[in-house]
């Protein structure tokens, strides 16, 4: 239960906090862009089963793969894609934390 609460806090509340500090004058726009980056979770729909509480997203789903994380890091360089890159990387960090907690809680 605590893991689920933390997961959704990191997906929804923490990006709002980051947006507030990252671009305080237009944090709502930044937060909206951060939320839009969650579209990468569409790759979960091609997995069977779609949801497995013990499956680590990082390295399993195509948009959560290490090469794609490298692309997200490269997107930090151009100013035009930086906010999107930050949102994608926050998402990857959240899912990575979830993987660690799942392993700690006994998922193989």
PDB file of N, CA and C in Angstrom:
ATOM      1  N   UNK A   1       0.825  -1.203   0.000  1.00  0.00           N
ATOM      2  CA  UNK A   1       0.000   0.000   0.000  1.00  0.00           C
ATOM      3  C   UNK A   1       0.864   1.260   0.000  1.00  0.00           C
ATOM      4  N   UNK A   2       1.880   1.284   0.875  1.00  0.00           N
ATOM      5  CA  UNK A   2       2.761   2.450   0.945  1.00  0.00           C
ATOM      6  C   UNK A   2       3.516   2.645  -0.370  1.00  0.00           C
ATOM      7  N   UNK A   3       3.900   1.526  -1.003  1.00  0.00           N
ATOM      8  CA  UNK A   3       4.608   1.612  -2.282  1.00  0.00           C
ATOM      9  C   UNK A   3       3.712   2.236  -3.349  1.00  0.00           C
ATOM     10  N   UNK A   4       2.454   1.856  -3.374  1.00  0.00           N
ATOM     11  CA  UNK A   4       1.510   2.410  -4.348  1.00  0.00           C
ATOM     12  C   UNK A   4       1.304   3.899  -4.117  1.00  0.00           C
ATOM     13  N   UNK A   5       1.157   4.300  -2.867  1.00  0.00           N
ATOM     14  CA  UNK A   5       0.989   5.719  -2.542  1.00  0.00           C
ATOM     15  C   UNK A   5       2.216   6.508  -2.974  1.00  0.00           C
ATOM     16  N   UNK A   6       3.406   5.982  -2.658  1.00  0.00           N
ATOM     17  CA  UNK A   6       4.648   6.656  -3.058  1.00  0.00           C
ATOM     18  C   UNK A   6       4.735   6.747  -4.575  1.00  0.00           C
ATOM     19  N   UNK A   7       4.394   5.670  -5.261  1.00  0.00           N
ATOM     20  CA  UNK A   7       4.467   5.648  -6.729  1.00  0.00           C
ATOM     21  C   UNK A   7       3.608   6.761  -7.329  1.00  0.00           C
ATOM     22  N   UNK A   8       2.372   6.855  -6.878  1.00  0.00           N
ATOM     23  CA  UNK A   8       1.492   7.880  -7.444  1.00  0.00           C
ATOM     24  C   UNK A   8       1.843   9.287  -6.970  1.00  0.00           C
ATOM     25  N   UNK A   9       2.374   9.410  -5.772  1.00  0.00           N
ATOM     26  CA  UNK A   9       2.885  10.705  -5.326  1.00  0.00           C
ATOM     27  C   UNK A   9       4.008  11.161  -6.253  1.00  0.00           C
ATOM     28  N   UNK A  10       4.929  10.251  -6.556  1.00  0.00           N
ATOM     29  CA  UNK A  10       6.065  10.604  -7.418  1.00  0.00           C
ATOM     30  C   UNK A  10       5.628  10.867  -8.855  1.00  0.00           C
ATOM     31  N   UNK A  11       4.532  10.259  -9.294  1.00  0.00           N
ATOM     32  CA  UNK A  11       4.041  10.500 -10.655  1.00  0.00           C
ATOM     33  C   UNK A  11       3.224  11.777 -10.769  1.00  0.00           C
ATOM     34  N   UNK A  12       2.535  12.187  -9.711  1.00  0.00           N
ATOM     35  CA  UNK A  12       1.628  13.324  -9.840  1.00  0.00           C
ATOM     36  C   UNK A  12       1.983  14.528  -8.968  1.00  0.00           C
ATOM     37  N   UNK A  13       2.295  14.333  -7.702  1.00  0.00           N
ATOM     38  CA  UNK A  13       2.573  15.467  -6.816  1.00  0.00           C
ATOM     39  C   UNK A  13       4.013  15.966  -6.958  1.00  0.00           C
ATOM     40  N   UNK A  14       4.964  15.052  -6.990  1.00  0.00           N
ATOM     41  CA  UNK A  14       6.371  15.475  -7.078  1.00  0.00           C
ATOM     42  C   UNK A  14       6.650  16.298  -8.339  1.00  0.00           C
ATOM     43  N   UNK A  15       6.128  15.913  -9.514  1.00  0.00           N
ATOM     44  CA  UNK A  15       6.336  16.771 -10.690  1.00  0.00           C
ATOM     45  C   UNK A  15       5.777  18.187 -10.511  1.00  0.00           C
ATOM     46  N   UNK A  16       4.699  18.334  -9.758  1.00  0.00           N
ATOM     47  CA  UNK A  16       4.166  19.672  -9.490  1.00  0.00           C
ATOM     48  C   UNK A  16       5.161  20.480  -8.664  1.00  0.00           C
ATOM     49  N   UNK A  17       5.782  19.823  -7.695  1.00  0.00           N
ATOM     50  CA  UNK A  17       6.782  20.492  -6.858  1.00  0.00           C
ATOM     51  C   UNK A  17       7.994  20.888  -7.701  1.00  0.00           C
ATOM     52  N   UNK A  18       8.442  19.959  -8.548  1.00  0.00           N
ATOM     53  CA  UNK A  18       9.586  20.251  -9.432  1.00  0.00           C
ATOM     54  C   UNK A  18       9.225  21.402 -10.361  1.00  0.00           C
ATOM     55  N   UNK A  19       8.024  21.380 -10.933  1.00  0.00           N
ATOM     56  CA  UNK A  19       7.591  22.459 -11.831  1.00  0.00           C
ATOM     57  C   UNK A  19       7.589  23.803 -11.112  1.00  0.00           C
ATOM     58  N   UNK A  20       7.141  23.800  -9.865  1.00  0.00           N
ATOM     59  CA  UNK A  20       7.091  25.032  -9.076  1.00  0.00           C
ATOM     60  C   UNK A  20       8.483  25.640  -8.901  1.00  0.00           C
ATOM     61  N   UNK A  21       9.477  24.794  -8.645  1.00  0.00           N
ATOM     62  CA  UNK A  21      10.845  25.291  -8.447  1.00  0.00           C
ATOM     63  C   UNK A  21      11.582  25.509  -9.766  1.00  0.00           C
ATOM     64  N   UNK A  22      11.271  24.705 -10.784  1.00  0.00           N
ATOM     65  CA  UNK A  22      11.965  24.768 -12.075  1.00  0.00           C
ATOM     66  C   UNK A  22      11.554  26.009 -12.860  1.00  0.00           C
ATOM     67  N   UNK A  23      10.256  26.276 -12.916  1.00  0.00           N
ATOM     68  CA  UNK A  23       9.736  27.449 -13.630  1.00  0.00           C
ATOM     69  C   UNK A  23       8.610  28.075 -12.809  1.00  0.00           C
ATOM     70  N   UNK A  24       8.951  28.767 -11.720  1.00  0.00           N
ATOM     71  CA  UNK A  24       7.903  29.282 -10.831  1.00  0.00           C
ATOM     72  C   UNK A  24       6.921  30.233 -11.513  1.00  0.00           C
ATOM     73  N   UNK A  25       7.368  30.981 -12.511  1.00  0.00           N
ATOM     74  CA  UNK A  25       6.485  31.940 -13.166  1.00  0.00           C
ATOM     75  C   UNK A  25       5.467  31.269 -14.095  1.00  0.00           C
ATOM     76  N   UNK A  26       5.746  30.033 -14.522  1.00  0.00           N
ATOM     77  CA  UNK A  26       4.804  29.298 -15.384  1.00  0.00           C
ATOM     78  C   UNK A  26       4.773  27.825 -15.008  1.00  0.00           C
ATOM     79  N   UNK A  27       4.667  27.577 -13.723  1.00  0.00           N
ATOM     80  CA  UNK A  27       4.726  26.208 -13.218  1.00  0.00           C
ATOM     81  C   UNK A  27       3.554  25.355 -13.683  1.00  0.00           C
ATOM     82  N   UNK A  28       2.382  25.968 -13.883  1.00  0.00           N
ATOM     83  CA  UNK A  28       1.219  25.185 -14.314  1.00  0.00           C
ATOM     84  C   UNK A  28       1.436  24.607 -15.709  1.00  0.00           C
ATOM     85  N   UNK A  29       2.014  25.388 -16.592  1.00  0.00           N
ATOM     86  CA  UNK A  29       2.322  24.920 -17.952  1.00  0.00           C
ATOM     87  C   UNK A  29       3.355  23.800 -17.892  1.00  0.00           C
ATOM     88  N   UNK A  30       4.384  23.992 -17.102  1.00  0.00           N
ATOM     89  CA  UNK A  30       5.423  22.977 -16.960  1.00  0.00           C
ATOM     90  C   UNK A  30       4.846  21.694 -16.379  1.00  0.00           C
ATOM     91  N   UNK A  31       4.010  21.828 -15.365  1.00  0.00           N
ATOM     92  CA  UNK A  31       3.381  20.655 -14.751  1.00  0.00           C
ATOM     93  C   UNK A  31       2.517  19.908 -15.772  1.00  0.00           C
ATOM     94  N   UNK A  32       1.767  20.641 -16.578  1.00  0.00           N
ATOM     95  CA  UNK A  32       0.942  20.022 -17.613  1.00  0.00           C
ATOM     96  C   UNK A  32       1.819  19.245 -18.604  1.00  0.00           C
ATOM     97  N   UNK A  33       2.936  19.825 -18.989  1.00  0.00           N
ATOM     98  CA  UNK A  33       3.862  19.128 -19.889  1.00  0.00           C
ATOM     99  C   UNK A  33       4.428  17.877 -19.222  1.00  0.00           C
ATOM    100  N   UNK A  34       4.753  17.985 -17.931  1.00  0.00           N
ATOM    101  CA  UNK A  34       5.227  16.805 -17.193  1.00  0.00           C
ATOM    102  C   UNK A  34       4.166  15.703 -17.220  1.00  0.00           C
ATOM    103  N   UNK A  35       2.906  16.083 -17.002  1.00  0.00           N
ATOM    104  CA  UNK A  35       1.832  15.094 -17.023  1.00  0.00           C
ATOM    105  C   UNK A  35       1.678  14.474 -18.415  1.00  0.00           C
ATOM    106  N   UNK A  36       1.890  15.273 -19.448  1.00  0.00           N
ATOM    107  CA  UNK A  36       1.774  14.759 -20.817  1.00  0.00           C
ATOM    108  C   UNK A  36       2.842  13.708 -21.122  1.00  0.00           C
ATOM    109  N   UNK A  37       3.963  13.768 -20.436  1.00  0.00           N
ATOM    110  CA  UNK A  37       5.013  12.780 -20.695  1.00  0.00           C
ATOM    111  C   UNK A  37       4.600  11.382 -20.240  1.00  0.00           C
ATOM    112  N   UNK A  38       3.532  11.285 -19.478  1.00  0.00           N
ATOM    113  CA  UNK A  38       3.065   9.966 -19.045  1.00  0.00           C
ATOM    114  C   UNK A  38       2.484   9.159 -20.188  1.00  0.00           C
ATOM    115  N   UNK A  39       2.373   9.766 -21.359  1.00  0.00           N
ATOM    116  CA  UNK A  39       1.903   9.031 -22.527  1.00  0.00           C
ATOM    117  C   UNK A  39       2.856   7.868 -22.837  1.00  0.00           C
ATOM    118  N   UNK A  40       4.083   7.927 -22.350  1.00  0.00           N
ATOM    119  CA  UNK A  40       5.013   6.819 -22.599  1.00  0.00           C
ATOM    120  C   UNK A  40       4.552   5.534 -21.931  1.00  0.00           C
ATOM    121  N   UNK A  41       3.614   5.624 -21.011  1.00  0.00           N
ATOM    122  CA  UNK A  41       3.084   4.414 -20.387  1.00  0.00           C
ATOM    123  C   UNK A  41       2.174   3.625 -21.327  1.00  0.00           C
ATOM    124  N   UNK A  42       1.901   4.160 -22.508  1.00  0.00           N
ATOM    125  CA  UNK A  42       1.119   3.409 -23.484  1.00  0.00           C
ATOM    126  C   UNK A  42       1.822   2.112 -23.881  1.00  0.00           C
ATOM    127  N   UNK A  43       3.150   2.074 -23.716  1.00  0.00           N
ATOM    128  CA  UNK A  43       3.863   0.843 -24.055  1.00  0.00           C
ATOM    129  C   UNK A  43       3.505  -0.306 -23.112  1.00  0.00           C
ATOM    130  N   UNK A  44       2.880  -0.017 -21.991  1.00  0.00           N
ATOM    131  CA  UNK A  44       2.412  -1.067 -21.085  1.00  0.00           C
ATOM    132  C   UNK A  44       1.292  -1.879 -21.738  1.00  0.00           C
ATOM    133  N   UNK A  45       0.585  -1.266 -22.675  1.00  0.00           N
ATOM    134  CA  UNK A  45      -0.557  -1.934 -23.302  1.00  0.00           C
ATOM    135  C   UNK A  45      -0.156  -3.092 -24.214  1.00  0.00           C
ATOM    136  N   UNK A  46       1.109  -3.142 -24.625  1.00  0.00           N
ATOM    137  CA  UNK A  46       1.539  -4.243 -25.496  1.00  0.00           C
ATOM    138  C   UNK A  46       2.100  -5.415 -24.692  1.00  0.00           C
ATOM    139  N   UNK A  47       2.154  -5.278 -23.373  1.00  0.00           N
ATOM    140  CA  UNK A  47       2.645  -6.356 -22.511  1.00  0.00           C
ATOM    141  C   UNK A  47       1.514  -7.307 -22.154  1.00  0.00           C
ATOM    142  N   UNK A  48       1.877  -8.552 -21.943  1.00  0.00           N
ATOM    143  CA  UNK A  48       0.901  -9.541 -21.485  1.00  0.00           C
ATOM    144  C   UNK A  48       1.451 -10.160 -20.208  1.00  0.00           C
ATOM    145  N   UNK A  49       0.755 -10.015 -19.100  1.00  0.00           N
ATOM    146  CA  UNK A  49      -0.442  -9.208 -18.889  1.00  0.00           C
ATOM    147  C   UNK A  49      -0.095  -7.719 -18.902  1.00  0.00           C
ATOM    148  N   UNK A  50      -1.093  -6.891 -19.107  1.00  0.00           N
ATOM    149  CA  UNK A  50      -0.872  -5.445 -19.156  1.00  0.00           C
ATOM    150  C   UNK A  50      -0.279  -4.958 -17.838  1.00  0.00           C
ATOM    151  N   UNK A  51      -0.787  -5.462 -16.713  1.00  0.00           N
ATOM    152  CA  UNK A  51      -0.269  -5.061 -15.408  1.00  0.00           C
ATOM    153  C   UNK A  51       0.228  -6.284 -14.655  1.00  0.00           C
ATOM    154  N   UNK A  52       1.443  -6.201 -14.187  1.00  0.00           N
ATOM    155  CA  UNK A  52       2.025  -7.233 -13.326  1.00  0.00           C
ATOM    156  C   UNK A  52       2.714  -6.490 -12.187  1.00  0.00           C
ATOM    157  N   UNK A  53       2.205  -6.616 -10.969  1.00  0.00           N
ATOM    158  CA  UNK A  53       2.763  -5.833  -9.857  1.00  0.00           C
ATOM    159  C   UNK A  53       4.233  -6.132  -9.571  1.00  0.00           C
ATOM    160  N   UNK A  54       4.721  -7.257 -10.037  1.00  0.00           N
ATOM    161  CA  UNK A  54       6.131  -7.601  -9.788  1.00  0.00           C
ATOM    162  C   UNK A  54       7.030  -7.331 -10.994  1.00  0.00           C
ATOM    163  N   UNK A  55       6.486  -6.761 -12.051  1.00  0.00           N
ATOM    164  CA  UNK A  55       7.299  -6.498 -13.239  1.00  0.00           C
ATOM    165  C   UNK A  55       7.931  -5.110 -13.140  1.00  0.00           C
ATOM    166  N   UNK A  56       9.208  -5.057 -13.376  1.00  0.00           N
ATOM    167  CA  UNK A  56       9.917  -3.774 -13.415  1.00  0.00           C
ATOM    168  C   UNK A  56       9.768  -3.184 -14.820  1.00  0.00           C
ATOM    169  N   UNK A  57       9.244  -1.983 -14.897  1.00  0.00           N
ATOM    170  CA  UNK A  57       9.059  -1.320 -16.194  1.00  0.00           C
ATOM    171  C   UNK A  57      10.384  -1.010 -16.869  1.00  0.00           C
ATOM    172  N   UNK A  58      11.378  -0.629 -16.077  1.00  0.00           N
ATOM    173  CA  UNK A  58      12.674  -0.235 -16.628  1.00  0.00           C
ATOM    174  C   UNK A  58      13.341  -1.461 -17.253  1.00  0.00           C
ATOM    175  N   UNK A  59      13.643  -1.333 -18.538  1.00  0.00           N
ATOM    176  CA  UNK A  59      14.284  -2.417 -19.251  1.00  0.00           C
ATOM    177  C   UNK A  59      13.312  -3.442 -19.813  1.00  0.00           C
ATOM    178  N   UNK A  60      12.033  -3.336 -19.491  1.00  0.00           N
ATOM    179  CA  UNK A  60      11.043  -4.288 -20.006  1.00  0.00           C
ATOM    180  C   UNK A  60      10.228  -3.684 -21.141  1.00  0.00           C
ATOM    181  N   UNK A  61       9.613  -2.548 -20.882  1.00  0.00           N
ATOM    182  CA  UNK A  61       8.781  -1.898 -21.891  1.00  0.00           C
ATOM    183  C   UNK A  61       9.679  -1.085 -22.837  1.00  0.00           C
ATOM    184  N   UNK A  62       9.320  -1.032 -24.128  1.00  0.00           N
ATOM    185  CA  UNK A  62      10.190  -0.354 -25.103  1.00  0.00           C
ATOM    186  C   UNK A  62      10.519   1.109 -24.766  1.00  0.00           C
ATOM    187  N   UNK A  63       9.534   1.878 -24.316  1.00  0.00           N
ATOM    188  CA  UNK A  63       9.790   3.293 -24.007  1.00  0.00           C
ATOM    189  C   UNK A  63      10.418   3.481 -22.627  1.00  0.00           C
ATOM    190  N   UNK A  64      10.607   2.384 -21.901  1.00  0.00           N
ATOM    191  CA  UNK A  64      11.266   2.401 -20.595  1.00  0.00           C
ATOM    192  C   UNK A  64      12.618   1.684 -20.672  1.00  0.00           C
ATOM    193  N   UNK A  65      13.138   1.503 -21.882  1.00  0.00           N
ATOM    194  CA  UNK A  65      14.385   0.774 -22.097  1.00  0.00           C
ATOM    195  C   UNK A  65      15.582   1.698 -21.873  1.00  0.00           C
ATOM    196  N   UNK A  66      16.733   1.078 -21.633  1.00  0.00           N
ATOM    197  CA  UNK A  66      17.953   1.867 -21.404  1.00  0.00           C
ATOM    198  C   UNK A  66      18.324   2.725 -22.609  1.00  0.00           C
ATOM    199  N   UNK A  67      18.202   2.229 -23.860  1.00  0.00           N
ATOM    200  CA  UNK A  67      18.495   3.124 -24.993  1.00  0.00           C
ATOM    201  C   UNK A  67      17.571   4.345 -25.031  1.00  0.00           C
ATOM    202  N   UNK A  68      16.289   4.147 -24.705  1.00  0.00           N
ATOM    203  CA  UNK A  68      15.367   5.285 -24.699  1.00  0.00           C
ATOM    204  C   UNK A  68      15.691   6.254 -23.563  1.00  0.00           C
ATOM    205  N   UNK A  69      16.128   5.731 -22.428  1.00  0.00           N
ATOM    206  CA  UNK A  69      16.538   6.619 -21.331  1.00  0.00           C
ATOM    207  C   UNK A  69      17.727   7.463 -21.789  1.00  0.00           C
ATOM    208  N   UNK A  70      18.616   6.867 -22.590  1.00  0.00           N
ATOM    209  CA  UNK A  70      19.722   7.638 -23.179  1.00  0.00           C
ATOM    210  C   UNK A  70      19.206   8.751 -24.078  1.00  0.00           C
ATOM    211  N   UNK A  71      18.177   8.461 -24.860  1.00  0.00           N
ATOM    212  CA  UNK A  71      17.558   9.488 -25.716  1.00  0.00           C
ATOM    213  C   UNK A  71      16.975  10.598 -24.848  1.00  0.00           C
ATOM    214  N   UNK A  72      16.302  10.222 -23.762  1.00  0.00           N
ATOM    215  CA  UNK A  72      15.712  11.229 -22.875  1.00  0.00           C
ATOM    216  C   UNK A  72      16.800  12.126 -22.286  1.00  0.00           C
ATOM    217  N   UNK A  73      17.951  11.524 -21.963  1.00  0.00           N
ATOM    218  CA  UNK A  73      19.074  12.328 -21.456  1.00  0.00           C
ATOM    219  C   UNK A  73      19.575  13.295 -22.525  1.00  0.00           C
ATOM    220  N   UNK A  74      19.650  12.841 -23.774  1.00  0.00           N
ATOM    221  CA  UNK A  74      20.077  13.724 -24.869  1.00  0.00           C
ATOM    222  C   UNK A  74      19.093  14.863 -25.097  1.00  0.00           C
ATOM    223  N   UNK A  75      17.817  14.604 -24.823  1.00  0.00           N
ATOM    224  CA  UNK A  75      16.797  15.646 -24.989  1.00  0.00           C
ATOM    225  C   UNK A  75      16.950  16.782 -23.978  1.00  0.00           C
ATOM    226  N   UNK A  76      17.800  16.578 -22.969  1.00  0.00           N
ATOM    227  CA  UNK A  76      18.076  17.659 -22.019  1.00  0.00           C
ATOM    228  C   UNK A  76      18.898  18.779 -22.654  1.00  0.00           C
ATOM    229  N   UNK A  77      19.641  18.447 -23.708  1.00  0.00           N
ATOM    230  CA  UNK A  77      20.570  19.420 -24.300  1.00  0.00           C
ATOM    231  C   UNK A  77      19.843  20.570 -24.996  1.00  0.00           C
ATOM    232  N   UNK A  78      18.959  20.295 -25.980  1.00  0.00           N
ATOM    233  CA  UNK A  78      18.272  21.437 -26.618  1.00  0.00           C
ATOM    234  C   UNK A  78      17.273  22.075 -25.655  1.00  0.00           C
ATOM    235  N   UNK A  79      17.283  23.371 -25.588  1.00  0.00           N
ATOM    236  CA  UNK A  79      16.380  24.075 -24.680  1.00  0.00           C
ATOM    237  C   UNK A  79      14.908  23.790 -24.999  1.00  0.00           C
ATOM    238  N   UNK A  80      14.591  23.595 -26.284  1.00  0.00           N
ATOM    239  CA  UNK A  80      13.199  23.368 -26.688  1.00  0.00           C
ATOM    240  C   UNK A  80      12.629  22.048 -26.164  1.00  0.00           C
ATOM    241  N   UNK A  81      13.480  21.079 -25.893  1.00  0.00           N
ATOM    242  CA  UNK A  81      12.991  19.778 -25.441  1.00  0.00           C
ATOM    243  C   UNK A  81      13.314  19.509 -23.976  1.00  0.00           C
ATOM    244  N   UNK A  82      13.903  20.453 -23.301  1.00  0.00           N
ATOM    245  CA  UNK A  82      14.383  20.222 -21.933  1.00  0.00           C
ATOM    246  C   UNK A  82      13.270  19.893 -20.939  1.00  0.00           C
ATOM    247  N   UNK A  83      12.157  20.601 -20.998  1.00  0.00           N
ATOM    248  CA  UNK A  83      11.072  20.347 -20.042  1.00  0.00           C
ATOM    249  C   UNK A  83      10.485  18.946 -20.268  1.00  0.00           C
ATOM    250  N   UNK A  84      10.317  18.572 -21.528  1.00  0.00           N
ATOM    251  CA  UNK A  84       9.822  17.231 -21.837  1.00  0.00           C
ATOM    252  C   UNK A  84      10.814  16.188 -21.323  1.00  0.00           C
ATOM    253  N   UNK A  85      12.107  16.427 -21.541  1.00  0.00           N
ATOM    254  CA  UNK A  85      13.134  15.496 -21.079  1.00  0.00           C
ATOM    255  C   UNK A  85      13.105  15.347 -19.560  1.00  0.00           C
ATOM    256  N   UNK A  86      12.952  16.447 -18.860  1.00  0.00           N
ATOM    257  CA  UNK A  86      12.882  16.393 -17.394  1.00  0.00           C
ATOM    258  C   UNK A  86      11.674  15.560 -16.974  1.00  0.00           C
ATOM    259  N   UNK A  87      10.529  15.774 -17.616  1.00  0.00           N
ATOM    260  CA  UNK A  87       9.332  14.997 -17.302  1.00  0.00           C
ATOM    261  C   UNK A  87       9.531  13.506 -17.557  1.00  0.00           C
ATOM    262  N   UNK A  88      10.145  13.172 -18.685  1.00  0.00           N
ATOM    263  CA  UNK A  88      10.409  11.768 -19.005  1.00  0.00           C
ATOM    264  C   UNK A  88      11.374  11.142 -18.006  1.00  0.00           C
ATOM    265  N   UNK A  89      12.396  11.887 -17.631  1.00  0.00           N
ATOM    266  CA  UNK A  89      13.370  11.355 -16.672  1.00  0.00           C
ATOM    267  C   UNK A  89      12.782  11.241 -15.269  1.00  0.00           C
ATOM    268  N   UNK A  90      11.928  12.174 -14.880  1.00  0.00           N
ATOM    269  CA  UNK A  90      11.231  12.029 -13.597  1.00  0.00           C
ATOM    270  C   UNK A  90      10.393  10.749 -13.606  1.00  0.00           C
ATOM    271  N   UNK A  91       9.770  10.479 -14.727  1.00  0.00           N
ATOM    272  CA  UNK A  91       8.964   9.267 -14.870  1.00  0.00           C
ATOM    273  C   UNK A  91       9.852   8.020 -14.732  1.00  0.00           C
ATOM    274  N   UNK A  92      11.008   8.036 -15.383  1.00  0.00           N
ATOM    275  CA  UNK A  92      11.922   6.891 -15.314  1.00  0.00           C
ATOM    276  C   UNK A  92      12.457   6.699 -13.889  1.00  0.00           C
ATOM    277  N   UNK A  93      12.753   7.802 -13.214  1.00  0.00           N
ATOM    278  CA  UNK A  93      13.221   7.721 -11.825  1.00  0.00           C
ATOM    279  C   UNK A  93      12.134   7.130 -10.934  1.00  0.00           C
ATOM    280  N   UNK A  94      10.906   7.586 -11.133  1.00  0.00           N
ATOM    281  CA  UNK A  94       9.777   7.052 -10.360  1.00  0.00           C
ATOM    282  C   UNK A  94       9.635   5.555 -10.582  1.00  0.00           C
ATOM    283  N   UNK A  95       9.677   5.137 -11.842  1.00  0.00           N
ATOM    284  CA  UNK A  95       9.539   3.711 -12.131  1.00  0.00           C
ATOM    285  C   UNK A  95      10.742   2.921 -11.622  1.00  0.00           C
ATOM    286  N   UNK A  96      11.920   3.534 -11.647  1.00  0.00           N
ATOM    287  CA  UNK A  96      13.107   2.881 -11.096  1.00  0.00           C
ATOM    288  C   UNK A  96      12.993   2.671  -9.594  1.00  0.00           C
ATOM    289  N   UNK A  97      12.502   3.673  -8.895  1.00  0.00           N
ATOM    290  CA  UNK A  97      12.275   3.547  -7.447  1.00  0.00           C
ATOM    291  C   UNK A  97      11.262   2.442  -7.184  1.00  0.00           C
ATOM    292  N   UNK A  98      10.232   2.386  -8.007  1.00  0.00           N
ATOM    293  CA  UNK A  98       9.225   1.338  -7.866  1.00  0.00           C
ATOM    294  C   UNK A  98       9.850  -0.051  -8.062  1.00  0.00           C
ATOM    295  N   UNK A  99      10.767  -0.175  -9.017  1.00  0.00           N
ATOM    296  CA  UNK A  99      11.465  -1.453  -9.234  1.00  0.00           C
ATOM    297  C   UNK A  99      12.262  -1.848  -8.005  1.00  0.00           C
ATOM    298  N   UNK A 100      12.968  -0.889  -7.430  1.00  0.00           N
ATOM    299  CA  UNK A 100      13.762  -1.171  -6.219  1.00  0.00           C
ATOM    300  C   UNK A 100      12.871  -1.599  -5.069  1.00  0.00           C
ATOM    301  N   UNK A 101      11.770  -0.907  -4.873  1.00  0.00           N
ATOM    302  CA  UNK A 101      10.863  -1.253  -3.790  1.00  0.00           C
ATOM    303  C   UNK A 101      10.204  -2.609  -4.015  1.00  0.00           C
ATOM    304  N   UNK A 102       9.877  -2.922  -5.255  1.00  0.00           N
ATOM    305  CA  UNK A 102       9.292  -4.234  -5.566  1.00  0.00           C
ATOM    306  C   UNK A 102      10.276  -5.340  -5.240  1.00  0.00           C
ATOM    307  N   UNK A 103      11.529  -5.157  -5.608  1.00  0.00           N
ATOM    308  CA  UNK A 103      12.554  -6.157  -5.297  1.00  0.00           C
ATOM    309  C   UNK A 103      12.737  -6.289  -3.789  1.00  0.00           C
ATOM    310  N   UNK A 104      12.744  -5.167  -3.103  1.00  0.00           N
ATOM    311  CA  UNK A 104      12.894  -5.175  -1.638  1.00  0.00           C
ATOM    312  C   UNK A 104      11.720  -5.885  -0.967  1.00  0.00           C
ATOM    313  N   UNK A 105      10.533  -5.736  -1.545  1.00  0.00           N
ATOM    314  CA  UNK A 105       9.330  -6.342  -0.982  1.00  0.00           C
ATOM    315  C   UNK A 105       9.106  -7.788  -1.411  1.00  0.00           C
ATOM    316  N   UNK A 106      10.080  -8.374  -2.088  1.00  0.00           N
ATOM    317  CA  UNK A 106      10.006  -9.793  -2.393  1.00  0.00           C
ATOM    318  C   UNK A 106       9.642 -10.176  -3.804  1.00  0.00           C
ATOM    319  N   UNK A 107       9.431  -9.222  -4.694  1.00  0.00           N
ATOM    320  CA  UNK A 107       9.185  -9.574  -6.095  1.00  0.00           C
ATOM    321  C   UNK A 107      10.523  -9.955  -6.712  1.00  0.00           C
ATOM    322  N   UNK A 108      10.502 -10.990  -7.508  1.00  0.00           N
ATOM    323  CA  UNK A 108      11.747 -11.449  -8.138  1.00  0.00           C
ATOM    324  C   UNK A 108      12.091 -10.625  -9.348  1.00  0.00           C
TER     325      UNK A 108
END
